[in-house]
All heavy atoms as atom14 arrays in JSON, in Angstrom:
{
  "sequence": "RFFISTALAAGAIATPACAADEPDAADQSAASTIVVTASR",
  "atom14_mask": [
    [1, 1, 1, 1, 1, 1, 1, 1, 1, 1, 1, 0, 0, 0],
    [1, 1, 1, 1, 1, 1, 1, 1, 1, 1, 1, 0, 0, 0],
    [1, 1, 1, 1, 1, 1, 1, 1, 1, 1, 1, 0, 0, 0],
    [1, 1, 1, 1, 1, 1, 1, 1, 0, 0, 0, 0, 0, 0],
    [1, 1, 1, 1, 1, 1, 0, 0, 0, 0, 0, 0, 0, 0],
    [1, 1, 1, 1, 1, 1, 1, 0, 0, 0, 0, 0, 0, 0],
    [1, 1, 1, 1, 1, 0, 0, 0, 0, 0, 0, 0, 0, 0],
    [1, 1, 1, 1, 1, 1, 1, 1, 0, 0, 0, 0, 0, 0],
    [1, 1, 1, 1, 1, 0, 0, 0, 0, 0, 0, 0, 0, 0],
    [1, 1, 1, 1, 1, 0, 0, 0, 0, 0, 0, 0, 0, 0],
    [1, 1, 1, 1, 0, 0, 0, 0, 0, 0, 0, 0, 0, 0],
    [1, 1, 1, 1, 1, 0, 0, 0, 0, 0, 0, 0, 0, 0],
    [1, 1, 1, 1, 1, 1, 1, 1, 0, 0, 0, 0, 0, 0],
    [1, 1, 1, 1, 1, 0, 0, 0, 0, 0, 0, 0, 0, 0],
    [1, 1, 1, 1, 1, 1, 1, 0, 0, 0, 0, 0, 0, 0],
    [1, 1, 1, 1, 1, 1, 1, 0, 0, 0, 0, 0, 0, 0],
    [1, 1, 1, 1, 1, 0, 0, 0, 0, 0, 0, 0, 0, 0],
    [1, 1, 1, 1, 1, 1, 0, 0, 0, 0, 0, 0, 0, 0],
    [1, 1, 1, 1, 1, 0, 0, 0, 0, 0, 0, 0, 0, 0],
    [1, 1, 1, 1, 1, 0, 0, 0, 0, 0, 0, 0, 0, 0],
    [1, 1, 1, 1, 1, 1, 1, 1, 0, 0, 0, 0, 0, 0],
    [1, 1, 1, 1, 1, 1, 1, 1, 1, 0, 0, 0, 0, 0],
    [1, 1, 1, 1, 1, 1, 1, 0, 0, 0, 0, 0, 0, 0],
    [1, 1, 1, 1, 1, 1, 1, 1, 0, 0, 0, 0, 0, 0],
    [1, 1, 1, 1, 1, 0, 0, 0, 0, 0, 0, 0, 0, 0],
    [1, 1, 1, 1, 1, 0, 0, 0, 0, 0, 0, 0, 0, 0],
    [1, 1, 1, 1, 1, 1, 1, 1, 0, 0, 0, 0, 0, 0],
    [1, 1, 1, 1, 1, 1, 1, 1, 1, 0, 0, 0, 0, 0],
    [1, 1, 1, 1, 1, 1, 0, 0, 0, 0, 0, 0, 0, 0],
    [1, 1, 1, 1, 1, 0, 0, 0, 0, 0, 0, 0, 0, 0],
    [1, 1, 1, 1, 1, 0, 0, 0, 0, 0, 0, 0, 0, 0],
    [1, 1, 1, 1, 1, 1, 0, 0, 0, 0, 0, 0, 0, 0],
    [1, 1, 1, 1, 1, 1, 1, 0, 0, 0, 0, 0, 0, 0],
    [1, 1, 1, 1, 1, 1, 1, 1, 0, 0, 0, 0, 0, 0],
    [1, 1, 1, 1, 1, 1, 1, 0, 0, 0, 0, 0, 0, 0],
    [1, 1, 1, 1, 1, 1, 1, 0, 0, 0, 0, 0, 0, 0],
    [1, 1, 1, 1, 1, 1, 1, 0, 0, 0, 0, 0, 0, 0],
    [1, 1, 1, 1, 1, 0, 0, 0, 0, 0, 0, 0, 0, 0],
    [1, 1, 1, 1, 1, 1, 0, 0, 0, 0, 0, 0, 0, 0],
    [1, 1, 1, 1, 1, 1, 1, 1, 1, 1, 1, 0, 0, 0]
  ],
  "atom14_positions": [
    [[-44.07, -46.23, 71.54], [-44.08, -46.04, 70.13], [-43.05, -44.84, 69.84], [-42.63, -44.14, 70.65], [-45.43, -45.6, 69.55], [-46.2, -44.56, 70.42], [-46.26, -43.29, 70.0], [-46.56, -43.05, 68.61], [-46.11, -42.03, 67.9], [-45.26, -41.27, 68.44], [-46.51, -41.9, 66.69], [0.0, 0.0, 0.0], [0.0, 0.0, 0.0], [0.0, 0.0, 0.0]],
    [[-42.64, -44.8, 68.52], [-41.73, -43.73, 68.26], [-41.41, -43.56, 66.81], [-41.64, -44.4, 66.0], [-40.57, -43.66, 69.17], [-39.78, -42.36, 68.96], [-40.41, -41.23, 69.23], [-38.53, -42.39, 68.57], [-39.87, -40.11, 69.08], [-37.95, -41.21, 68.37], [-38.54, -40.04, 68.63], [0.0, 0.0, 0.0], [0.0, 0.0, 0.0], [0.0, 0.0, 0.0]],
    [[-40.55, -42.6, 66.65], [-39.88, -42.09, 65.61], [-40.77, -41.53, 64.5], [-41.83, -41.05, 64.76], [-38.89, -43.16, 64.95], [-37.92, -42.51, 64.08], [-37.59, -41.25, 64.14], [-37.28, -43.32, 63.12], [-36.57, -40.77, 63.3], [-36.23, -42.86, 62.43], [-35.95, -41.59, 62.42], [0.0, 0.0, 0.0], [0.0, 0.0, 0.0], [0.0, 0.0, 0.0]],
    [[-40.27, -41.39, 63.35], [-40.92, -40.76, 62.23], [-42.02, -41.67, 61.92], [-41.78, -42.78, 61.23], [-39.98, -40.53, 61.1], [-38.74, -39.83, 61.58], [-40.6, -39.74, 60.02], [-37.6, -40.03, 60.69], [0.0, 0.0, 0.0], [0.0, 0.0, 0.0], [0.0, 0.0, 0.0], [0.0, 0.0, 0.0], [0.0, 0.0, 0.0], [0.0, 0.0, 0.0]],
    [[-43.23, -41.4, 62.25], [-44.36, -42.35, 62.05], [-44.44, -42.75, 60.55], [-44.86, -43.84, 60.21], [-45.61, -41.68, 62.54], [-45.97, -40.59, 61.9], [0.0, 0.0, 0.0], [0.0, 0.0, 0.0], [0.0, 0.0, 0.0], [0.0, 0.0, 0.0], [0.0, 0.0, 0.0], [0.0, 0.0, 0.0], [0.0, 0.0, 0.0], [0.0, 0.0, 0.0]],
    [[-44.16, -41.77, 59.71], [-44.29, -42.13, 58.25], [-43.33, -43.23, 57.84], [-43.74, -44.2, 57.14], [-43.92, -40.88, 57.45], [-42.49, -40.43, 57.73], [-44.78, -39.69, 57.77], [0.0, 0.0, 0.0], [0.0, 0.0, 0.0], [0.0, 0.0, 0.0], [0.0, 0.0, 0.0], [0.0, 0.0, 0.0], [0.0, 0.0, 0.0], [0.0, 0.0, 0.0]],
    [[-42.14, -43.19, 58.35], [-41.13, -44.22, 57.91], [-41.48, -45.6, 58.56], [-41.26, -46.62, 57.92], [-39.75, -43.72, 58.27], [0.0, 0.0, 0.0], [0.0, 0.0, 0.0], [0.0, 0.0, 0.0], [0.0, 0.0, 0.0], [0.0, 0.0, 0.0], [0.0, 0.0, 0.0], [0.0, 0.0, 0.0], [0.0, 0.0, 0.0], [0.0, 0.0, 0.0]],
    [[-41.86, -45.52, 59.79], [-42.2, -46.74, 60.44], [-43.29, -47.44, 59.79], [-43.24, -48.66, 59.51], [-42.59, -46.44, 61.94], [-41.57, -46.0, 62.9], [-42.08, -45.65, 64.22], [-40.54, -47.18, 63.1], [0.0, 0.0, 0.0], [0.0, 0.0, 0.0], [0.0, 0.0, 0.0], [0.0, 0.0, 0.0], [0.0, 0.0, 0.0], [0.0, 0.0, 0.0]],
    [[-44.42, -46.66, 59.59], [-45.63, -47.26, 58.93], [-45.28, -47.69, 57.49], [-45.78, -48.79, 57.03], [-46.68, -46.18, 58.96], [0.0, 0.0, 0.0], [0.0, 0.0, 0.0], [0.0, 0.0, 0.0], [0.0, 0.0, 0.0], [0.0, 0.0, 0.0], [0.0, 0.0, 0.0], [0.0, 0.0, 0.0], [0.0, 0.0, 0.0], [0.0, 0.0, 0.0]],
    [[-44.45, -47.01, 56.84], [-44.13, -47.41, 55.48], [-43.11, -48.61, 55.34], [-42.9, -49.07, 54.27], [-43.57, -46.3, 54.69], [0.0, 0.0, 0.0], [0.0, 0.0, 0.0], [0.0, 0.0, 0.0], [0.0, 0.0, 0.0], [0.0, 0.0, 0.0], [0.0, 0.0, 0.0], [0.0, 0.0, 0.0], [0.0, 0.0, 0.0], [0.0, 0.0, 0.0]],
    [[-42.61, -49.02, 56.44], [-41.62, -50.07, 56.41], [-40.22, -49.64, 56.08], [-39.33, -50.45, 55.91], [0.0, 0.0, 0.0], [0.0, 0.0, 0.0], [0.0, 0.0, 0.0], [0.0, 0.0, 0.0], [0.0, 0.0, 0.0], [0.0, 0.0, 0.0], [0.0, 0.0, 0.0], [0.0, 0.0, 0.0], [0.0, 0.0, 0.0], [0.0, 0.0, 0.0]],
    [[-40.02, -48.3, 55.88], [-38.7, -47.82, 55.63], [-37.83, -48.05, 56.89], [-36.59, -48.19, 56.76], [-38.74, -46.35, 55.28], [0.0, 0.0, 0.0], [0.0, 0.0, 0.0], [0.0, 0.0, 0.0], [0.0, 0.0, 0.0], [0.0, 0.0, 0.0], [0.0, 0.0, 0.0], [0.0, 0.0, 0.0], [0.0, 0.0, 0.0], [0.0, 0.0, 0.0]],
    [[-38.42, -48.02, 58.07], [-37.73, -48.35, 59.3], [-38.59, -49.25, 60.06], [-39.74, -48.96, 60.36], [-37.45, -47.08, 60.07], [-36.98, -46.01, 59.26], [-36.59, -47.38, 61.31], [-36.83, -44.64, 59.98], [0.0, 0.0, 0.0], [0.0, 0.0, 0.0], [0.0, 0.0, 0.0], [0.0, 0.0, 0.0], [0.0, 0.0, 0.0], [0.0, 0.0, 0.0]],
    [[-38.08, -50.36, 60.47], [-38.81, -51.24, 61.4], [-38.74, -50.52, 62.74], [-37.9, -49.81, 63.0], [-38.25, -52.58, 61.46], [0.0, 0.0, 0.0], [0.0, 0.0, 0.0], [0.0, 0.0, 0.0], [0.0, 0.0, 0.0], [0.0, 0.0, 0.0], [0.0, 0.0, 0.0], [0.0, 0.0, 0.0], [0.0, 0.0, 0.0], [0.0, 0.0, 0.0]],
    [[-39.79, -50.91, 63.6], [-39.71, -50.34, 64.93], [-38.42, -50.65, 65.61], [-38.03, -51.75, 65.79], [-40.92, -50.94, 65.77], [-42.09, -50.76, 65.07], [-40.98, -50.38, 67.17], [0.0, 0.0, 0.0], [0.0, 0.0, 0.0], [0.0, 0.0, 0.0], [0.0, 0.0, 0.0], [0.0, 0.0, 0.0], [0.0, 0.0, 0.0], [0.0, 0.0, 0.0]],
    [[-37.59, -49.58, 65.95], [-36.33, -49.8, 66.55], [-36.28, -50.22, 67.98], [-37.31, -50.3, 68.61], [-35.67, -48.37, 66.35], [-36.85, -47.44, 66.44], [-37.98, -48.15, 65.84], [0.0, 0.0, 0.0], [0.0, 0.0, 0.0], [0.0, 0.0, 0.0], [0.0, 0.0, 0.0], [0.0, 0.0, 0.0], [0.0, 0.0, 0.0], [0.0, 0.0, 0.0]],
    [[-35.12, -50.51, 68.4], [-35.0, -50.98, 69.85], [-35.64, -50.01, 70.81], [-36.24, -50.45, 71.87], [-33.52, -51.07, 70.18], [0.0, 0.0, 0.0], [0.0, 0.0, 0.0], [0.0, 0.0, 0.0], [0.0, 0.0, 0.0], [0.0, 0.0, 0.0], [0.0, 0.0, 0.0], [0.0, 0.0, 0.0], [0.0, 0.0, 0.0], [0.0, 0.0, 0.0]],
    [[-35.59, -48.7, 70.53], [-36.21, -47.81, 71.45], [-37.63, -47.72, 71.41], [-38.31, -46.99, 72.15], [-35.57, -46.39, 71.31], [-36.12, -45.56, 69.73], [0.0, 0.0, 0.0], [0.0, 0.0, 0.0], [0.0, 0.0, 0.0], [0.0, 0.0, 0.0], [0.0, 0.0, 0.0], [0.0, 0.0, 0.0], [0.0, 0.0, 0.0], [0.0, 0.0, 0.0]],
    [[-38.27, -48.45, 70.53], [-39.79, -48.46, 70.44], [-40.35, -49.86, 70.72], [-41.44, -50.19, 70.45], [-40.18, -47.99, 69.05], [0.0, 0.0, 0.0], [0.0, 0.0, 0.0], [0.0, 0.0, 0.0], [0.0, 0.0, 0.0], [0.0, 0.0, 0.0], [0.0, 0.0, 0.0], [0.0, 0.0, 0.0], [0.0, 0.0, 0.0], [0.0, 0.0, 0.0]],
    [[-39.52, -50.72, 71.29], [-40.04, -52.04, 71.59], [-40.93, -52.04, 72.82], [-40.91, -51.07, 73.55], [-38.75, -52.92, 71.88], [0.0, 0.0, 0.0], [0.0, 0.0, 0.0], [0.0, 0.0, 0.0], [0.0, 0.0, 0.0], [0.0, 0.0, 0.0], [0.0, 0.0, 0.0], [0.0, 0.0, 0.0], [0.0, 0.0, 0.0], [0.0, 0.0, 0.0]],
    [[-41.73, -53.04, 72.96], [-42.66, -53.13, 74.11], [-41.83, -53.33, 75.36], [-40.72, -53.9, 75.31], [-43.57, -54.34, 73.97], [-44.59, -54.08, 72.86], [-44.87, -52.92, 72.48], [-45.09, -55.11, 72.27], [0.0, 0.0, 0.0], [0.0, 0.0, 0.0], [0.0, 0.0, 0.0], [0.0, 0.0, 0.0], [0.0, 0.0, 0.0], [0.0, 0.0, 0.0]],
    [[-42.33, -52.75, 76.47], [-41.52, -52.76, 77.69], [-41.83, -54.0, 78.51], [-43.01, -54.4, 78.68], [-41.84, -51.53, 78.5], [-41.61, -50.23, 77.83], [-42.17, -49.14, 78.55], [-42.41, -49.27, 79.78], [-42.24, -48.0, 78.01], [0.0, 0.0, 0.0], [0.0, 0.0, 0.0], [0.0, 0.0, 0.0], [0.0, 0.0, 0.0], [0.0, 0.0, 0.0]],
    [[-40.86, -54.6, 79.16], [-41.18, -55.61, 80.16], [-41.82, -54.92, 81.41], [-41.61, -53.71, 81.65], [-39.86, -56.22, 80.5], [-38.91, -55.12, 80.12], [-39.45, -54.3, 79.04], [0.0, 0.0, 0.0], [0.0, 0.0, 0.0], [0.0, 0.0, 0.0], [0.0, 0.0, 0.0], [0.0, 0.0, 0.0], [0.0, 0.0, 0.0], [0.0, 0.0, 0.0]],
    [[-42.65, -55.7, 82.13], [-43.21, -54.96, 83.3], [-42.18, -54.83, 84.44], [-41.08, -55.39, 84.39], [-44.48, -55.71, 83.76], [-44.19, -57.22, 84.1], [-43.04, -57.46, 84.6], [-45.16, -58.04, 83.98], [0.0, 0.0, 0.0], [0.0, 0.0, 0.0], [0.0, 0.0, 0.0], [0.0, 0.0, 0.0], [0.0, 0.0, 0.0], [0.0, 0.0, 0.0]],
    [[-42.54, -54.12, 85.47], [-41.65, -53.88, 86.55], [-41.16, -55.12, 87.24], [-40.02, -55.25, 87.71], [-42.27, -52.96, 87.64], [0.0, 0.0, 0.0], [0.0, 0.0, 0.0], [0.0, 0.0, 0.0], [0.0, 0.0, 0.0], [0.0, 0.0, 0.0], [0.0, 0.0, 0.0], [0.0, 0.0, 0.0], [0.0, 0.0, 0.0], [0.0, 0.0, 0.0]],
    [[-42.05, -56.18, 87.25], [-41.66, -57.43, 87.99], [-40.55, -58.03, 87.17], [-39.59, -58.62, 87.76], [-42.84, -58.36, 88.09], [0.0, 0.0, 0.0], [0.0, 0.0, 0.0], [0.0, 0.0, 0.0], [0.0, 0.0, 0.0], [0.0, 0.0, 0.0], [0.0, 0.0, 0.0], [0.0, 0.0, 0.0], [0.0, 0.0, 0.0], [0.0, 0.0, 0.0]],
    [[-40.65, -58.09, 85.85], [-39.61, -58.6, 85.0], [-38.24, -57.89, 85.21], [-37.19, -58.5, 85.28], [-39.91, -58.68, 83.53], [-41.06, -59.57, 83.26], [-41.3, -60.58, 84.0], [-41.83, -59.48, 82.28], [0.0, 0.0, 0.0], [0.0, 0.0, 0.0], [0.0, 0.0, 0.0], [0.0, 0.0, 0.0], [0.0, 0.0, 0.0], [0.0, 0.0, 0.0]],
    [[-38.38, -56.59, 85.31], [-37.13, -55.71, 85.53], [-36.41, -56.04, 86.77], [-35.29, -56.27, 86.88], [-37.61, -54.26, 85.42], [-38.05, -53.85, 84.03], [-38.56, -52.48, 84.09], [-38.83, -51.85, 85.11], [-38.92, -51.91, 82.94], [0.0, 0.0, 0.0], [0.0, 0.0, 0.0], [0.0, 0.0, 0.0], [0.0, 0.0, 0.0], [0.0, 0.0, 0.0]],
    [[-37.22, -56.1, 87.83], [-36.6, -56.33, 89.12], [-36.03, -57.75, 89.27], [-35.1, -58.05, 90.04], [-37.56, -56.02, 90.27], [-38.68, -56.88, 90.18], [0.0, 0.0, 0.0], [0.0, 0.0, 0.0], [0.0, 0.0, 0.0], [0.0, 0.0, 0.0], [0.0, 0.0, 0.0], [0.0, 0.0, 0.0], [0.0, 0.0, 0.0], [0.0, 0.0, 0.0]],
    [[-36.59, -58.63, 88.56], [-36.14, -60.02, 88.59], [-34.98, -60.36, 87.77], [-34.29, -61.37, 87.85], [-37.3, -60.97, 88.12], [0.0, 0.0, 0.0], [0.0, 0.0, 0.0], [0.0, 0.0, 0.0], [0.0, 0.0, 0.0], [0.0, 0.0, 0.0], [0.0, 0.0, 0.0], [0.0, 0.0, 0.0], [0.0, 0.0, 0.0], [0.0, 0.0, 0.0]],
    [[-34.58, -59.32, 86.83], [-33.48, -59.65, 86.01], [-32.17, -59.63, 86.79], [-31.84, -58.73, 87.4], [-33.4, -58.53, 84.9], [0.0, 0.0, 0.0], [0.0, 0.0, 0.0], [0.0, 0.0, 0.0], [0.0, 0.0, 0.0], [0.0, 0.0, 0.0], [0.0, 0.0, 0.0], [0.0, 0.0, 0.0], [0.0, 0.0, 0.0], [0.0, 0.0, 0.0]],
    [[-31.44, -60.7, 86.71], [-30.2, -60.8, 87.52], [-28.97, -60.46, 86.73], [-27.92, -60.21, 87.17], [-30.04, -62.28, 88.06], [-30.06, -63.2, 86.89], [0.0, 0.0, 0.0], [0.0, 0.0, 0.0], [0.0, 0.0, 0.0], [0.0, 0.0, 0.0], [0.0, 0.0, 0.0], [0.0, 0.0, 0.0], [0.0, 0.0, 0.0], [0.0, 0.0, 0.0]],
    [[-29.13, -60.52, 85.34], [-27.99, -60.17, 84.47], [-28.45, -59.17, 83.42], [-29.59, -59.31, 82.81], [-27.49, -61.46, 83.79], [-27.15, -62.36, 84.81], [-26.25, -61.17, 82.97], [0.0, 0.0, 0.0], [0.0, 0.0, 0.0], [0.0, 0.0, 0.0], [0.0, 0.0, 0.0], [0.0, 0.0, 0.0], [0.0, 0.0, 0.0], [0.0, 0.0, 0.0]],
    [[-27.67, -58.31, 83.07], [-27.99, -57.34, 81.95], [-26.95, -57.76, 80.79], [-25.78, -57.72, 80.97], [-27.75, -55.94, 82.36], [-28.78, -55.59, 83.41], [-28.02, -55.02, 81.17], [-28.69, -54.12, 83.83], [0.0, 0.0, 0.0], [0.0, 0.0, 0.0], [0.0, 0.0, 0.0], [0.0, 0.0, 0.0], [0.0, 0.0, 0.0], [0.0, 0.0, 0.0]],
    [[-27.47, -58.14, 79.75], [-26.67, -58.44, 78.61], [-26.57, -57.23, 77.69], [-27.61, -56.6, 77.48], [-27.19, -59.65, 77.73], [-26.36, -59.9, 76.56], [-27.26, -60.88, 78.65], [0.0, 0.0, 0.0], [0.0, 0.0, 0.0], [0.0, 0.0, 0.0], [0.0, 0.0, 0.0], [0.0, 0.0, 0.0], [0.0, 0.0, 0.0], [0.0, 0.0, 0.0]],
    [[-25.38, -56.84, 77.28], [-25.21, -55.59, 76.55], [-26.02, -55.73, 75.25], [-25.94, -56.72, 74.52], [-23.8, -55.28, 76.27], [-23.14, -56.2, 75.25], [-23.6, -53.81, 75.79], [0.0, 0.0, 0.0], [0.0, 0.0, 0.0], [0.0, 0.0, 0.0], [0.0, 0.0, 0.0], [0.0, 0.0, 0.0], [0.0, 0.0, 0.0], [0.0, 0.0, 0.0]],
    [[-26.81, -54.69, 74.94], [-27.44, -54.55, 73.66], [-26.74, -53.6, 72.75], [-26.09, -52.65, 73.39], [-28.92, -54.03, 73.84], [-29.63, -54.98, 74.73], [-29.7, -53.95, 72.51], [0.0, 0.0, 0.0], [0.0, 0.0, 0.0], [0.0, 0.0, 0.0], [0.0, 0.0, 0.0], [0.0, 0.0, 0.0], [0.0, 0.0, 0.0], [0.0, 0.0, 0.0]],
    [[-26.64, -53.75, 71.58], [-25.86, -52.83, 70.74], [-26.27, -51.46, 70.99], [-27.42, -51.1, 71.22], [-26.03, -53.18, 69.22], [0.0, 0.0, 0.0], [0.0, 0.0, 0.0], [0.0, 0.0, 0.0], [0.0, 0.0, 0.0], [0.0, 0.0, 0.0], [0.0, 0.0, 0.0], [0.0, 0.0, 0.0], [0.0, 0.0, 0.0], [0.0, 0.0, 0.0]],
    [[-25.24, -50.55, 71.04], [-25.64, -49.13, 71.19], [-26.52, -48.56, 70.19], [-27.23, -47.57, 70.38], [-24.27, -48.32, 71.26], [-23.68, -48.38, 70.0], [0.0, 0.0, 0.0], [0.0, 0.0, 0.0], [0.0, 0.0, 0.0], [0.0, 0.0, 0.0], [0.0, 0.0, 0.0], [0.0, 0.0, 0.0], [0.0, 0.0, 0.0], [0.0, 0.0, 0.0]],
    [[-26.53, -49.15, 68.93], [-27.43, -48.74, 67.89], [-28.16, -49.92, 67.42], [-27.71, -51.02, 67.33], [-26.64, -48.1, 66.79], [-25.89, -46.83, 67.22], [-24.9, -46.39, 66.22], [-23.83, -45.56, 66.9], [-22.69, -45.29, 66.48], [-22.31, -45.76, 65.23], [-21.82, -44.6, 67.1], [0.0, 0.0, 0.0], [0.0, 0.0, 0.0], [0.0, 0.0, 0.0]]
  ]
}
C-alpha cells in the first residue's frame, strides 16, 4: 500500500504502479522477459 492515504481513498489518485499487488517469488523467478513499464 502507499502514498497519501487521503488522496488514494478519495479517488483523487488511483493506487499507482508502486502500490500494486506483488507477484510471488515463483512468478518472479519464472519471468523470462521484462517488458518496460513506464517510468511514471
